[in-house]
């Protein structure tokens, strides 16, 4: 069982940056691949970025974003740069064993989400 908690969301102006964090409970965090997804009102949940259990493999939907992890702190990060109004959404982190995937249905554990609003 893994429990996830996101933080770092908020209001940011277009062109700004934001770093989201996701902290996991449990001693097996380092064995899980982690993903970030987002969901805007009226839209499906979509893939943003993911990282393998070791950090050696990553995947992105957008080059403006960067994912990293610190297994000693049970935390995964999402650095978001050059933000646009269309990036406004609730951002979720998710966990699955070992290797990352792009499909949200492939993930076993989810956090509650953190709101990101990009607006002037």
C-alpha atoms as a PDB file:
ATOM      1  CA  UNK A   1       0.000   0.000   0.000  1.00  0.00           C
ATOM      2  CA  UNK A   2       1.292   3.439  -0.940  1.00  0.00           C
ATOM      3  CA  UNK A   3      -0.275   6.727   0.074  1.00  0.00           C
ATOM      4  CA  UNK A   4       0.549   9.802  -1.953  1.00  0.00           C
ATOM      5  CA  UNK A   5       0.197  13.476  -1.112  1.00  0.00           C
ATOM      6  CA  UNK A   6       0.772  16.278  -3.613  1.00  0.00           C
ATOM      7  CA  UNK A   7       1.744  19.822  -2.745  1.00  0.00           C
ATOM      8  CA  UNK A   8       3.022  22.969  -4.425  1.00  0.00           C
ATOM      9  CA  UNK A   9       0.055  23.929  -6.538  1.00  0.00           C
ATOM     10  CA  UNK A  10      -1.303  27.447  -6.720  1.00  0.00           C
ATOM     11  CA  UNK A  11      -1.871  30.469  -8.892  1.00  0.00           C
ATOM     12  CA  UNK A  12       0.895  31.485 -11.297  1.00  0.00           C
ATOM     13  CA  UNK A  13       1.076  33.990 -14.107  1.00  0.00           C
ATOM     14  CA  UNK A  14       1.563  32.891 -17.723  1.00  0.00           C
ATOM     15  CA  UNK A  15       5.220  32.312 -18.408  1.00  0.00           C
ATOM     16  CA  UNK A  16       5.919  31.500 -14.779  1.00  0.00           C
ATOM     17  CA  UNK A  17       7.209  28.358 -13.144  1.00  0.00           C
ATOM     18  CA  UNK A  18       5.984  26.048 -10.433  1.00  0.00           C
ATOM     19  CA  UNK A  19       7.366  22.956  -8.756  1.00  0.00           C
ATOM     20  CA  UNK A  20       5.020  20.287  -7.524  1.00  0.00           C
ATOM     21  CA  UNK A  21       5.980  17.680  -4.965  1.00  0.00           C
ATOM     22  CA  UNK A  22       4.497  14.316  -4.211  1.00  0.00           C
ATOM     23  CA  UNK A  23       5.468  12.558  -1.002  1.00  0.00           C
ATOM     24  CA  UNK A  24       4.782   8.881  -0.500  1.00  0.00           C
ATOM     25  CA  UNK A  25       4.301   6.864   2.643  1.00  0.00           C
ATOM     26  CA  UNK A  26       5.746   3.408   3.028  1.00  0.00           C
ATOM     27  CA  UNK A  27       9.176   1.878   2.788  1.00  0.00           C
ATOM     28  CA  UNK A  28       8.865   0.608  -0.784  1.00  0.00           C
ATOM     29  CA  UNK A  29       8.705   3.944  -2.572  1.00  0.00           C
ATOM     30  CA  UNK A  30      11.960   3.248  -4.391  1.00  0.00           C
ATOM     31  CA  UNK A  31      10.444   0.199  -6.106  1.00  0.00           C
ATOM     32  CA  UNK A  32       7.655   2.206  -7.732  1.00  0.00           C
ATOM     33  CA  UNK A  33       7.570   4.158 -10.945  1.00  0.00           C
ATOM     34  CA  UNK A  34       5.902   7.502 -10.480  1.00  0.00           C
ATOM     35  CA  UNK A  35       3.759   9.479 -12.846  1.00  0.00           C
ATOM     36  CA  UNK A  36       2.200  12.913 -12.989  1.00  0.00           C
ATOM     37  CA  UNK A  37      -1.177  13.398 -14.629  1.00  0.00           C
ATOM     38  CA  UNK A  38      -3.553  16.310 -14.892  1.00  0.00           C
ATOM     39  CA  UNK A  39      -7.240  16.792 -15.381  1.00  0.00           C
ATOM     40  CA  UNK A  40      -8.958  19.982 -16.461  1.00  0.00           C
ATOM     41  CA  UNK A  41     -12.708  20.506 -16.016  1.00  0.00           C
ATOM     42  CA  UNK A  42     -14.665  18.532 -18.568  1.00  0.00           C
ATOM     43  CA  UNK A  43     -11.602  16.739 -19.872  1.00  0.00           C
ATOM     44  CA  UNK A  44     -10.089  13.313 -19.385  1.00  0.00           C
ATOM     45  CA  UNK A  45      -7.105  12.746 -17.150  1.00  0.00           C
ATOM     46  CA  UNK A  46      -3.962  13.025 -19.238  1.00  0.00           C
ATOM     47  CA  UNK A  47      -0.344  12.011 -18.906  1.00  0.00           C
ATOM     48  CA  UNK A  48       2.190  14.708 -18.059  1.00  0.00           C
ATOM     49  CA  UNK A  49       5.422  12.967 -17.063  1.00  0.00           C
ATOM     50  CA  UNK A  50       6.737   9.800 -15.456  1.00  0.00           C
ATOM     51  CA  UNK A  51       9.923   8.348 -14.017  1.00  0.00           C
ATOM     52  CA  UNK A  52      11.108   4.809 -13.402  1.00  0.00           C
ATOM     53  CA  UNK A  53      11.861   3.411  -9.965  1.00  0.00           C
ATOM     54  CA  UNK A  54      15.579   4.190 -10.338  1.00  0.00           C
ATOM     55  CA  UNK A  55      15.189   7.525 -12.060  1.00  0.00           C
ATOM     56  CA  UNK A  56      17.082   6.267 -15.084  1.00  0.00           C
ATOM     57  CA  UNK A  57      14.124   6.477 -17.433  1.00  0.00           C
ATOM     58  CA  UNK A  58      11.687   9.331 -17.881  1.00  0.00           C
ATOM     59  CA  UNK A  59       8.870  10.212 -20.217  1.00  0.00           C
ATOM     60  CA  UNK A  60       7.125  13.461 -21.011  1.00  0.00           C
ATOM     61  CA  UNK A  61       4.127  14.829 -22.818  1.00  0.00           C
ATOM     62  CA  UNK A  62       5.686  18.290 -22.934  1.00  0.00           C
ATOM     63  CA  UNK A  63       9.318  19.421 -22.924  1.00  0.00           C
ATOM     64  CA  UNK A  64       8.497  22.369 -20.653  1.00  0.00           C
ATOM     65  CA  UNK A  65       8.177  19.941 -17.752  1.00  0.00           C
ATOM     66  CA  UNK A  66      10.814  17.992 -15.867  1.00  0.00           C
ATOM     67  CA  UNK A  67      10.345  15.118 -13.460  1.00  0.00           C
ATOM     68  CA  UNK A  68      12.791  13.962 -10.813  1.00  0.00           C
ATOM     69  CA  UNK A  69      12.761  11.894  -7.647  1.00  0.00           C
ATOM     70  CA  UNK A  70      14.571  11.628  -4.341  1.00  0.00           C
ATOM     71  CA  UNK A  71      14.125   8.117  -3.012  1.00  0.00           C
ATOM     72  CA  UNK A  72      15.729   9.038   0.291  1.00  0.00           C
ATOM     73  CA  UNK A  73      12.899  11.514   0.842  1.00  0.00           C
ATOM     74  CA  UNK A  74      10.151   9.385  -0.726  1.00  0.00           C
ATOM     75  CA  UNK A  75       9.378  12.322  -2.971  1.00  0.00           C
ATOM     76  CA  UNK A  76       8.887  12.925  -6.667  1.00  0.00           C
ATOM     77  CA  UNK A  77       8.927  16.384  -8.203  1.00  0.00           C
ATOM     78  CA  UNK A  78       7.455  18.031 -11.273  1.00  0.00           C
ATOM     79  CA  UNK A  79       9.144  21.219 -12.411  1.00  0.00           C
ATOM     80  CA  UNK A  80       6.889  23.187 -14.728  1.00  0.00           C
ATOM     81  CA  UNK A  81       8.271  26.075 -16.742  1.00  0.00           C
ATOM     82  CA  UNK A  82       6.838  28.569 -19.241  1.00  0.00           C
ATOM     83  CA  UNK A  83       3.356  27.849 -17.963  1.00  0.00           C
ATOM     84  CA  UNK A  84       0.342  28.603 -20.119  1.00  0.00           C
ATOM     85  CA  UNK A  85      -3.329  29.109 -19.236  1.00  0.00           C
ATOM     86  CA  UNK A  86      -4.078  25.757 -20.857  1.00  0.00           C
ATOM     87  CA  UNK A  87      -1.904  24.099 -18.194  1.00  0.00           C
ATOM     88  CA  UNK A  88      -4.593  24.936 -15.650  1.00  0.00           C
ATOM     89  CA  UNK A  89      -5.778  21.673 -14.110  1.00  0.00           C
ATOM     90  CA  UNK A  90      -5.690  19.493 -11.053  1.00  0.00           C
ATOM     91  CA  UNK A  91      -2.363  17.684 -11.036  1.00  0.00           C
ATOM     92  CA  UNK A  92      -2.139  14.171  -9.640  1.00  0.00           C
ATOM     93  CA  UNK A  93       0.766  11.923  -8.856  1.00  0.00           C
ATOM     94  CA  UNK A  94       0.436   8.190  -9.199  1.00  0.00           C
ATOM     95  CA  UNK A  95       2.498   5.062  -8.535  1.00  0.00           C
ATOM     96  CA  UNK A  96       2.873   1.699 -10.220  1.00  0.00           C
ATOM     97  CA  UNK A  97       5.493  -1.057  -9.872  1.00  0.00           C
ATOM     98  CA  UNK A  98       8.921  -0.557 -11.440  1.00  0.00           C
ATOM     99  CA  UNK A  99       8.412   0.860 -14.972  1.00  0.00           C
ATOM    100  CA  UNK A 100       6.419   3.871 -15.966  1.00  0.00           C
ATOM    101  CA  UNK A 101       3.516   3.917 -18.393  1.00  0.00           C
ATOM    102  CA  UNK A 102       1.532   6.678 -20.080  1.00  0.00           C
ATOM    103  CA  UNK A 103      -1.933   5.343 -19.402  1.00  0.00           C
ATOM    104  CA  UNK A 104      -3.609   6.393 -16.153  1.00  0.00           C
ATOM    105  CA  UNK A 105      -5.308   3.004 -15.882  1.00  0.00           C
ATOM    106  CA  UNK A 106      -1.828   1.448 -15.532  1.00  0.00           C
ATOM    107  CA  UNK A 107      -1.281   3.096 -12.142  1.00  0.00           C
ATOM    108  CA  UNK A 108      -2.332   1.534  -8.853  1.00  0.00           C
ATOM    109  CA  UNK A 109      -2.132   4.393  -6.374  1.00  0.00           C
ATOM    110  CA  UNK A 110      -3.181   8.017  -6.631  1.00  0.00           C
ATOM    111  CA  UNK A 111      -2.924  11.166  -4.609  1.00  0.00           C
ATOM    112  CA  UNK A 112      -5.764  13.619  -4.026  1.00  0.00           C
ATOM    113  CA  UNK A 113      -4.406  16.164  -6.459  1.00  0.00           C
ATOM    114  CA  UNK A 114      -3.240  19.758  -6.278  1.00  0.00           C
ATOM    115  CA  UNK A 115      -4.777  22.639  -8.213  1.00  0.00           C
ATOM    116  CA  UNK A 116      -2.606  24.598 -10.633  1.00  0.00           C
ATOM    117  CA  UNK A 117      -4.094  27.760 -12.090  1.00  0.00           C
ATOM    118  CA  UNK A 118      -2.262  29.766 -14.733  1.00  0.00           C
ATOM    119  CA  UNK A 119      -3.808  33.193 -15.103  1.00  0.00           C
ATOM    120  CA  UNK A 120      -2.892  36.842 -15.182  1.00  0.00           C
END
